[in-house]
Amino acid sequence: MRKTYNKDEYLIKMVEVFKTNVTDSKIADKIISELVLYLPQSKINFDLTDCDNILRIESSEKIATESVTSHLFGLGYFCEVLDY
């Protein structure tokens, strides 16, 4: 988990980055729409041009990484937290 400080908003944000095997943008959009239901205060996006097909979640609250990975596994996709 990476914490970032936005001096303009005076908020600390949590950022989690996941490696996935999602390669289709329509599937990525579907996954995002499902994750937003569980993480409504979060910014969620995929970077499918990255070799790791990155899923990035930014939130002002703690992100339950196990729930995210379990959700994607349940949909049949690989997902793991990238350590940095």
PDB file of N, CA and C in Angstrom:
ATOM      1  N   MET A   1       0.842  -1.165   0.000  1.00  0.00           N
ATOM      2  CA  MET A   1       0.000   0.000   0.000  1.00  0.00           C
ATOM      3  C   MET A   1       0.889   1.231   0.000  1.00  0.00           C
ATOM      4  N   ARG A   2       0.533   2.154  -0.829  1.00  0.00           N
ATOM      5  CA  ARG A   2       1.266   3.412  -0.924  1.00  0.00           C
ATOM      6  C   ARG A   2       0.344   4.532  -0.469  1.00  0.00           C
ATOM      7  N   LYS A   3       0.847   5.422   0.365  1.00  0.00           N
ATOM      8  CA  LYS A   3       0.076   6.583   0.802  1.00  0.00           C
ATOM      9  C   LYS A   3       0.585   7.793   0.045  1.00  0.00           C
ATOM     10  N   THR A   4      -0.342   8.581  -0.462  1.00  0.00           N
ATOM     11  CA  THR A   4       0.035   9.817  -1.129  1.00  0.00           C
ATOM     12  C   THR A   4      -0.664  10.976  -0.440  1.00  0.00           C
ATOM     13  N   TYR A   5      -0.009  12.116  -0.444  1.00  0.00           N
ATOM     14  CA  TYR A   5      -0.550  13.312   0.196  1.00  0.00           C
ATOM     15  C   TYR A   5      -0.796  14.346  -0.880  1.00  0.00           C
ATOM     16  N   ASN A   6      -2.031  14.767  -1.004  1.00  0.00           N
ATOM     17  CA  ASN A   6      -2.397  15.782  -1.978  1.00  0.00           C
ATOM     18  C   ASN A   6      -2.454  17.123  -1.255  1.00  0.00           C
ATOM     19  N   LYS A   7      -1.460  17.963  -1.481  1.00  0.00           N
ATOM     20  CA  LYS A   7      -1.384  19.234  -0.744  1.00  0.00           C
ATOM     21  C   LYS A   7      -2.538  20.169  -1.071  1.00  0.00           C
ATOM     22  N   ASP A   8      -3.134  20.030  -2.261  1.00  0.00           N
ATOM     23  CA  ASP A   8      -4.249  20.890  -2.624  1.00  0.00           C
ATOM     24  C   ASP A   8      -5.535  20.503  -1.896  1.00  0.00           C
ATOM     25  N   GLU A   9      -5.704  19.214  -1.631  1.00  0.00           N
ATOM     26  CA  GLU A   9      -6.926  18.746  -0.987  1.00  0.00           C
ATOM     27  C   GLU A   9      -6.713  18.412   0.482  1.00  0.00           C
ATOM     28  N   TYR A  10      -5.465  18.352   0.927  1.00  0.00           N
ATOM     29  CA  TYR A  10      -5.131  18.004   2.303  1.00  0.00           C
ATOM     30  C   TYR A  10      -5.689  16.640   2.701  1.00  0.00           C
ATOM     31  N   LEU A  11      -5.609  15.698   1.797  1.00  0.00           N
ATOM     32  CA  LEU A  11      -6.076  14.342   2.057  1.00  0.00           C
ATOM     33  C   LEU A  11      -4.935  13.355   1.870  1.00  0.00           C
ATOM     34  N   ILE A  12      -4.948  12.334   2.686  1.00  0.00           N
ATOM     35  CA  ILE A  12      -4.031  11.222   2.463  1.00  0.00           C
ATOM     36  C   ILE A  12      -4.818  10.155   1.723  1.00  0.00           C
ATOM     37  N   LYS A  13      -4.270   9.685   0.627  1.00  0.00           N
ATOM     38  CA  LYS A  13      -4.951   8.676  -0.171  1.00  0.00           C
ATOM     39  C   LYS A  13      -4.167   7.377  -0.138  1.00  0.00           C
ATOM     40  N   MET A  14      -4.895   6.285  -0.102  1.00  0.00           N
ATOM     41  CA  MET A  14      -4.307   4.961  -0.185  1.00  0.00           C
ATOM     42  C   MET A  14      -4.355   4.534  -1.643  1.00  0.00           C
ATOM     43  N   VAL A  15      -3.278   3.935  -2.105  1.00  0.00           N
ATOM     44  CA  VAL A  15      -3.221   3.445  -3.478  1.00  0.00           C
ATOM     45  C   VAL A  15      -2.758   2.001  -3.448  1.00  0.00           C
ATOM     46  N   GLU A  16      -3.514   1.147  -4.111  1.00  0.00           N
ATOM     47  CA  GLU A  16      -3.115  -0.247  -4.276  1.00  0.00           C
ATOM     48  C   GLU A  16      -3.026  -0.531  -5.763  1.00  0.00           C
ATOM     49  N   VAL A  17      -2.007  -1.284  -6.141  1.00  0.00           N
ATOM     50  CA  VAL A  17      -1.786  -1.640  -7.533  1.00  0.00           C
ATOM     51  C   VAL A  17      -1.739  -3.160  -7.613  1.00  0.00           C
ATOM     52  N   PHE A  18      -2.493  -3.714  -8.566  1.00  0.00           N
ATOM     53  CA  PHE A  18      -2.607  -5.155  -8.721  1.00  0.00           C
ATOM     54  C   PHE A  18      -2.160  -5.578 -10.120  1.00  0.00           C
ATOM     55  N   LYS A  19      -1.510  -6.718 -10.186  1.00  0.00           N
ATOM     56  CA  LYS A  19      -1.188  -7.364 -11.460  1.00  0.00           C
ATOM     57  C   LYS A  19      -2.357  -8.286 -11.779  1.00  0.00           C
ATOM     58  N   THR A  20      -2.855  -8.237 -13.026  1.00  0.00           N
ATOM     59  CA  THR A  20      -3.979  -9.086 -13.415  1.00  0.00           C
ATOM     60  C   THR A  20      -3.695  -9.741 -14.768  1.00  0.00           C
ATOM     61  N   ASN A  21      -4.608 -10.621 -15.170  1.00  0.00           N
ATOM     62  CA  ASN A  21      -4.536 -11.168 -16.525  1.00  0.00           C
ATOM     63  C   ASN A  21      -5.732 -10.711 -17.364  1.00  0.00           C
ATOM     64  N   VAL A  22      -6.351  -9.620 -16.961  1.00  0.00           N
ATOM     65  CA  VAL A  22      -7.456  -9.032 -17.722  1.00  0.00           C
ATOM     66  C   VAL A  22      -6.853  -8.306 -18.921  1.00  0.00           C
ATOM     67  N   THR A  23      -7.323  -8.655 -20.121  1.00  0.00           N
ATOM     68  CA  THR A  23      -6.762  -8.046 -21.331  1.00  0.00           C
ATOM     69  C   THR A  23      -7.811  -7.321 -22.178  1.00  0.00           C
ATOM     70  N   ASP A  24      -9.071  -7.516 -21.875  1.00  0.00           N
ATOM     71  CA  ASP A  24     -10.152  -6.945 -22.675  1.00  0.00           C
ATOM     72  C   ASP A  24     -10.753  -5.725 -21.968  1.00  0.00           C
ATOM     73  N   SER A  25     -10.880  -4.631 -22.683  1.00  0.00           N
ATOM     74  CA  SER A  25     -11.376  -3.395 -22.065  1.00  0.00           C
ATOM     75  C   SER A  25     -12.836  -3.503 -21.630  1.00  0.00           C
ATOM     76  N   LYS A  26     -13.649  -4.278 -22.348  1.00  0.00           N
ATOM     77  CA  LYS A  26     -15.050  -4.446 -21.939  1.00  0.00           C
ATOM     78  C   LYS A  26     -15.142  -5.216 -20.626  1.00  0.00           C
ATOM     79  N   ILE A  27     -14.308  -6.221 -20.469  1.00  0.00           N
ATOM     80  CA  ILE A  27     -14.274  -6.978 -19.215  1.00  0.00           C
ATOM     81  C   ILE A  27     -13.746  -6.088 -18.099  1.00  0.00           C
ATOM     82  N   ALA A  28     -12.724  -5.301 -18.391  1.00  0.00           N
ATOM     83  CA  ALA A  28     -12.178  -4.374 -17.391  1.00  0.00           C
ATOM     84  C   ALA A  28     -13.260  -3.402 -16.924  1.00  0.00           C
ATOM     85  N   ASP A  29     -14.050  -2.872 -17.851  1.00  0.00           N
ATOM     86  CA  ASP A  29     -15.140  -1.956 -17.488  1.00  0.00           C
ATOM     87  C   ASP A  29     -16.173  -2.648 -16.605  1.00  0.00           C
ATOM     88  N   LYS A  30     -16.477  -3.912 -16.919  1.00  0.00           N
ATOM     89  CA  LYS A  30     -17.439  -4.673 -16.110  1.00  0.00           C
ATOM     90  C   LYS A  30     -16.899  -4.875 -14.697  1.00  0.00           C
ATOM     91  N   ILE A  31     -15.629  -5.229 -14.589  1.00  0.00           N
ATOM     92  CA  ILE A  31     -15.012  -5.434 -13.277  1.00  0.00           C
ATOM     93  C   ILE A  31     -15.019  -4.132 -12.480  1.00  0.00           C
ATOM     94  N   ILE A  32     -14.684  -3.032 -13.129  1.00  0.00           N
ATOM     95  CA  ILE A  32     -14.694  -1.730 -12.448  1.00  0.00           C
ATOM     96  C   ILE A  32     -16.091  -1.418 -11.921  1.00  0.00           C
ATOM     97  N   SER A  33     -17.118  -1.649 -12.743  1.00  0.00           N
ATOM     98  CA  SER A  33     -18.487  -1.341 -12.298  1.00  0.00           C
ATOM     99  C   SER A  33     -18.892  -2.201 -11.108  1.00  0.00           C
ATOM    100  N   GLU A  34     -18.380  -3.420 -11.014  1.00  0.00           N
ATOM    101  CA  GLU A  34     -18.659  -4.274  -9.856  1.00  0.00           C
ATOM    102  C   GLU A  34     -17.872  -3.811  -8.633  1.00  0.00           C
ATOM    103  N   LEU A  35     -16.600  -3.475  -8.818  1.00  0.00           N
ATOM    104  CA  LEU A  35     -15.774  -3.048  -7.688  1.00  0.00           C
ATOM    105  C   LEU A  35     -16.255  -1.727  -7.092  1.00  0.00           C
ATOM    106  N   VAL A  36     -16.789  -0.855  -7.931  1.00  0.00           N
ATOM    107  CA  VAL A  36     -17.290   0.435  -7.451  1.00  0.00           C
ATOM    108  C   VAL A  36     -18.433   0.239  -6.451  1.00  0.00           C
ATOM    109  N   LEU A  37     -19.180  -0.850  -6.596  1.00  0.00           N
ATOM    110  CA  LEU A  37     -20.259  -1.135  -5.643  1.00  0.00           C
ATOM    111  C   LEU A  37     -19.705  -1.398  -4.247  1.00  0.00           C
ATOM    112  N   TYR A  38     -18.535  -2.035  -4.175  1.00  0.00           N
ATOM    113  CA  TYR A  38     -17.908  -2.362  -2.895  1.00  0.00           C
ATOM    114  C   TYR A  38     -16.986  -1.248  -2.396  1.00  0.00           C
ATOM    115  N   LEU A  39     -16.499  -0.443  -3.318  1.00  0.00           N
ATOM    116  CA  LEU A  39     -15.557   0.629  -2.982  1.00  0.00           C
ATOM    117  C   LEU A  39     -16.056   1.945  -3.581  1.00  0.00           C
ATOM    118  N   PRO A  40     -17.212   2.438  -3.125  1.00  0.00           N
ATOM    119  CA  PRO A  40     -17.840   3.593  -3.789  1.00  0.00           C
ATOM    120  C   PRO A  40     -17.050   4.894  -3.719  1.00  0.00           C
ATOM    121  N   GLN A  41     -16.173   5.046  -2.761  1.00  0.00           N
ATOM    122  CA  GLN A  41     -15.399   6.281  -2.621  1.00  0.00           C
ATOM    123  C   GLN A  41     -14.053   6.206  -3.338  1.00  0.00           C
ATOM    124  N   SER A  42     -13.873   5.178  -4.154  1.00  0.00           N
ATOM    125  CA  SER A  42     -12.566   4.926  -4.772  1.00  0.00           C
ATOM    126  C   SER A  42     -12.529   5.318  -6.240  1.00  0.00           C
ATOM    127  N   LYS A  43     -11.324   5.623  -6.701  1.00  0.00           N
ATOM    128  CA  LYS A  43     -11.053   5.776  -8.128  1.00  0.00           C
ATOM    129  C   LYS A  43     -10.429   4.462  -8.567  1.00  0.00           C
ATOM    130  N   ILE A  44     -11.007   3.829  -9.575  1.00  0.00           N
ATOM    131  CA  ILE A  44     -10.557   2.515 -10.013  1.00  0.00           C
ATOM    132  C   ILE A  44     -10.320   2.568 -11.512  1.00  0.00           C
ATOM    133  N   ASN A  45      -9.181   2.035 -11.952  1.00  0.00           N
ATOM    134  CA  ASN A  45      -8.921   1.966 -13.386  1.00  0.00           C
ATOM    135  C   ASN A  45      -7.969   0.823 -13.702  1.00  0.00           C
ATOM    136  N   PHE A  46      -7.981   0.420 -14.953  1.00  0.00           N
ATOM    137  CA  PHE A  46      -7.054  -0.567 -15.480  1.00  0.00           C
ATOM    138  C   PHE A  46      -6.096   0.127 -16.432  1.00  0.00           C
ATOM    139  N   ASP A  47      -4.878  -0.361 -16.492  1.00  0.00           N
ATOM    140  CA  ASP A  47      -3.923   0.022 -17.529  1.00  0.00           C
ATOM    141  C   ASP A  47      -3.595  -1.251 -18.289  1.00  0.00           C
ATOM    142  N   LEU A  48      -4.358  -1.502 -19.349  1.00  0.00           N
ATOM    143  CA  LEU A  48      -4.187  -2.729 -20.123  1.00  0.00           C
ATOM    144  C   LEU A  48      -3.030  -2.633 -21.108  1.00  0.00           C
ATOM    145  N   THR A  49      -2.412  -1.458 -21.224  1.00  0.00           N
ATOM    146  CA  THR A  49      -1.231  -1.331 -22.078  1.00  0.00           C
ATOM    147  C   THR A  49       0.030  -1.752 -21.338  1.00  0.00           C
ATOM    148  N   ASP A  50      -0.032  -1.814 -20.016  1.00  0.00           N
ATOM    149  CA  ASP A  50       1.095  -2.256 -19.194  1.00  0.00           C
ATOM    150  C   ASP A  50       1.224  -3.775 -19.313  1.00  0.00           C
ATOM    151  N   CYS A  51       2.442  -4.277 -19.267  1.00  0.00           N
ATOM    152  CA  CYS A  51       2.667  -5.719 -19.405  1.00  0.00           C
ATOM    153  C   CYS A  51       2.025  -6.520 -18.274  1.00  0.00           C
ATOM    154  N   ASP A  52       1.725  -5.878 -17.146  1.00  0.00           N
ATOM    155  CA  ASP A  52       1.097  -6.558 -16.012  1.00  0.00           C
ATOM    156  C   ASP A  52      -0.414  -6.324 -15.943  1.00  0.00           C
ATOM    157  N   ASN A  53      -0.991  -5.690 -16.972  1.00  0.00           N
ATOM    158  CA  ASN A  53      -2.440  -5.425 -17.001  1.00  0.00           C
ATOM    159  C   ASN A  53      -2.916  -4.892 -15.649  1.00  0.00           C
ATOM    160  N   ILE A  54      -2.411  -3.750 -15.305  1.00  0.00           N
ATOM    161  CA  ILE A  54      -2.542  -3.161 -13.974  1.00  0.00           C
ATOM    162  C   ILE A  54      -3.977  -2.754 -13.642  1.00  0.00           C
ATOM    163  N   LEU A  55      -4.396  -3.115 -12.443  1.00  0.00           N
ATOM    164  CA  LEU A  55      -5.609  -2.591 -11.820  1.00  0.00           C
ATOM    165  C   LEU A  55      -5.140  -1.669 -10.704  1.00  0.00           C
ATOM    166  N   ARG A  56      -5.604  -0.427 -10.735  1.00  0.00           N
ATOM    167  CA  ARG A  56      -5.171   0.565  -9.739  1.00  0.00           C
ATOM    168  C   ARG A  56      -6.393   1.084  -9.000  1.00  0.00           C
ATOM    169  N   ILE A  57      -6.299   1.082  -7.674  1.00  0.00           N
ATOM    170  CA  ILE A  57      -7.389   1.579  -6.839  1.00  0.00           C
ATOM    171  C   ILE A  57      -6.834   2.651  -5.911  1.00  0.00           C
ATOM    172  N   GLU A  58      -7.478   3.807  -5.917  1.00  0.00           N
ATOM    173  CA  GLU A  58      -7.096   4.926  -5.057  1.00  0.00           C
ATOM    174  C   GLU A  58      -8.289   5.273  -4.175  1.00  0.00           C
ATOM    175  N   SER A  59      -8.045   5.414  -2.880  1.00  0.00           N
ATOM    176  CA  SER A  59      -9.132   5.672  -1.947  1.00  0.00           C
ATOM    177  C   SER A  59      -8.632   6.482  -0.759  1.00  0.00           C
ATOM    178  N   SER A  60      -9.545   7.171  -0.116  1.00  0.00           N
ATOM    179  CA  SER A  60      -9.192   7.864   1.123  1.00  0.00           C
ATOM    180  C   SER A  60      -9.335   6.924   2.318  1.00  0.00           C
ATOM    181  N   GLU A  61      -9.810   5.705   2.062  1.00  0.00           N
ATOM    182  CA  GLU A  61      -9.968   4.687   3.099  1.00  0.00           C
ATOM    183  C   GLU A  61      -9.062   3.498   2.800  1.00  0.00           C
ATOM    184  N   LYS A  62      -8.859   2.656   3.801  1.00  0.00           N
ATOM    185  CA  LYS A  62      -8.055   1.448   3.614  1.00  0.00           C
ATOM    186  C   LYS A  62      -8.726   0.552   2.578  1.00  0.00           C
ATOM    187  N   ILE A  63      -7.932  -0.016   1.698  1.00  0.00           N
ATOM    188  CA  ILE A  63      -8.436  -0.874   0.634  1.00  0.00           C
ATOM    189  C   ILE A  63      -8.242  -2.327   1.050  1.00  0.00           C
ATOM    190  N   ALA A  64      -9.317  -3.088   1.051  1.00  0.00           N
ATOM    191  CA  ALA A  64      -9.264  -4.502   1.430  1.00  0.00           C
ATOM    192  C   ALA A  64      -8.754  -5.306   0.237  1.00  0.00           C
ATOM    193  N   THR A  65      -7.439  -5.468   0.162  1.00  0.00           N
ATOM    194  CA  THR A  65      -6.830  -6.113  -1.003  1.00  0.00           C
ATOM    195  C   THR A  65      -7.292  -7.555  -1.171  1.00  0.00           C
ATOM    196  N   GLU A  66      -7.516  -8.257  -0.060  1.00  0.00           N
ATOM    197  CA  GLU A  66      -7.959  -9.646  -0.148  1.00  0.00           C
ATOM    198  C   GLU A  66      -9.330  -9.739  -0.813  1.00  0.00           C
ATOM    199  N   SER A  67     -10.194  -8.780  -0.536  1.00  0.00           N
ATOM    200  CA  SER A  67     -11.522  -8.767  -1.153  1.00  0.00           C
ATOM    201  C   SER A  67     -11.426  -8.525  -2.654  1.00  0.00           C
ATOM    202  N   VAL A  68     -10.522  -7.645  -3.049  1.00  0.00           N
ATOM    203  CA  VAL A  68     -10.341  -7.348  -4.472  1.00  0.00           C
ATOM    204  C   VAL A  68      -9.813  -8.581  -5.197  1.00  0.00           C
ATOM    205  N   THR A  69      -8.764  -9.201  -4.662  1.00  0.00           N
ATOM    206  CA  THR A  69      -8.200 -10.380  -5.326  1.00  0.00           C
ATOM    207  C   THR A  69      -9.209 -11.518  -5.353  1.00  0.00           C
ATOM    208  N   SER A  70      -9.946 -11.715  -4.268  1.00  0.00           N
ATOM    209  CA  SER A  70     -10.962 -12.775  -4.219  1.00  0.00           C
ATOM    210  C   SER A  70     -12.061 -12.534  -5.241  1.00  0.00           C
ATOM    211  N   HIS A  71     -12.466 -11.280  -5.389  1.00  0.00           N
ATOM    212  CA  HIS A  71     -13.523 -10.957  -6.353  1.00  0.00           C
ATOM    213  C   HIS A  71     -13.074 -11.295  -7.772  1.00  0.00           C
ATOM    214  N   LEU A  72     -11.862 -10.902  -8.127  1.00  0.00           N
ATOM    215  CA  LEU A  72     -11.378 -11.211  -9.468  1.00  0.00           C
ATOM    216  C   LEU A  72     -11.176 -12.709  -9.660  1.00  0.00           C
ATOM    217  N   PHE A  73     -10.656 -13.398  -8.642  1.00  0.00           N
ATOM    218  CA  PHE A  73     -10.520 -14.854  -8.731  1.00  0.00           C
ATOM    219  C   PHE A  73     -11.888 -15.492  -8.955  1.00  0.00           C
ATOM    220  N   GLY A  74     -12.908 -14.992  -8.264  1.00  0.00           N
ATOM    221  CA  GLY A  74     -14.268 -15.507  -8.419  1.00  0.00           C
ATOM    222  C   GLY A  74     -14.815 -15.323  -9.823  1.00  0.00           C
ATOM    223  N   LEU A  75     -14.337 -14.308 -10.512  1.00  0.00           N
ATOM    224  CA  LEU A  75     -14.741 -14.065 -11.900  1.00  0.00           C
ATOM    225  C   LEU A  75     -13.878 -14.842 -12.890  1.00  0.00           C
ATOM    226  N   GLY A  76     -12.872 -15.556 -12.365  1.00  0.00           N
ATOM    227  CA  GLY A  76     -12.014 -16.363 -13.224  1.00  0.00           C
ATOM    228  C   GLY A  76     -10.752 -15.664 -13.683  1.00  0.00           C
ATOM    229  N   TYR A  77     -10.356 -14.598 -13.002  1.00  0.00           N
ATOM    230  CA  TYR A  77      -9.166 -13.849 -13.390  1.00  0.00           C
ATOM    231  C   TYR A  77      -8.107 -13.883 -12.300  1.00  0.00           C
ATOM    232  N   PHE A  78      -6.867 -13.848 -12.732  1.00  0.00           N
ATOM    233  CA  PHE A  78      -5.721 -13.772 -11.823  1.00  0.00           C
ATOM    234  C   PHE A  78      -5.591 -12.337 -11.333  1.00  0.00           C
ATOM    235  N   CYS A  79      -5.234 -12.187 -10.073  1.00  0.00           N
ATOM    236  CA  CYS A  79      -5.043 -10.854  -9.501  1.00  0.00           C
ATOM    237  C   CYS A  79      -4.164 -10.972  -8.270  1.00  0.00           C
ATOM    238  N   GLU A  80      -3.083 -10.176  -8.225  1.00  0.00           N
ATOM    239  CA  GLU A  80      -2.241 -10.142  -7.031  1.00  0.00           C
ATOM    240  C   GLU A  80      -1.733  -8.726  -6.815  1.00  0.00           C
ATOM    241  N   VAL A  81      -1.524  -8.398  -5.552  1.00  0.00           N
ATOM    242  CA  VAL A  81      -0.999  -7.083  -5.199  1.00  0.00           C
ATOM    243  C   VAL A  81       0.441  -6.990  -5.672  1.00  0.00           C
ATOM    244  N   LEU A  82       0.776  -5.888  -6.320  1.00  0.00           N
ATOM    245  CA  LEU A  82       2.163  -5.644  -6.707  1.00  0.00           C
ATOM    246  C   LEU A  82       2.884  -4.984  -5.545  1.00  0.00           C
ATOM    247  N   ASP A  83       3.983  -5.563  -5.145  1.00  0.00           N
ATOM    248  CA  ASP A  83       4.801  -4.970  -4.089  1.00  0.00           C
ATOM    249  C   ASP A  83       5.766  -3.977  -4.713  1.00  0.00           C
ATOM    250  N   TYR A  84       5.952  -2.866  -4.043  1.00  0.00           N
ATOM    251  CA  TYR A  84       6.896  -1.857  -4.526  1.00  0.00           C
ATOM    252  C   TYR A  84       7.561  -1.182  -3.389  1.00  0.00           C
TER     253      TYR A  84
END
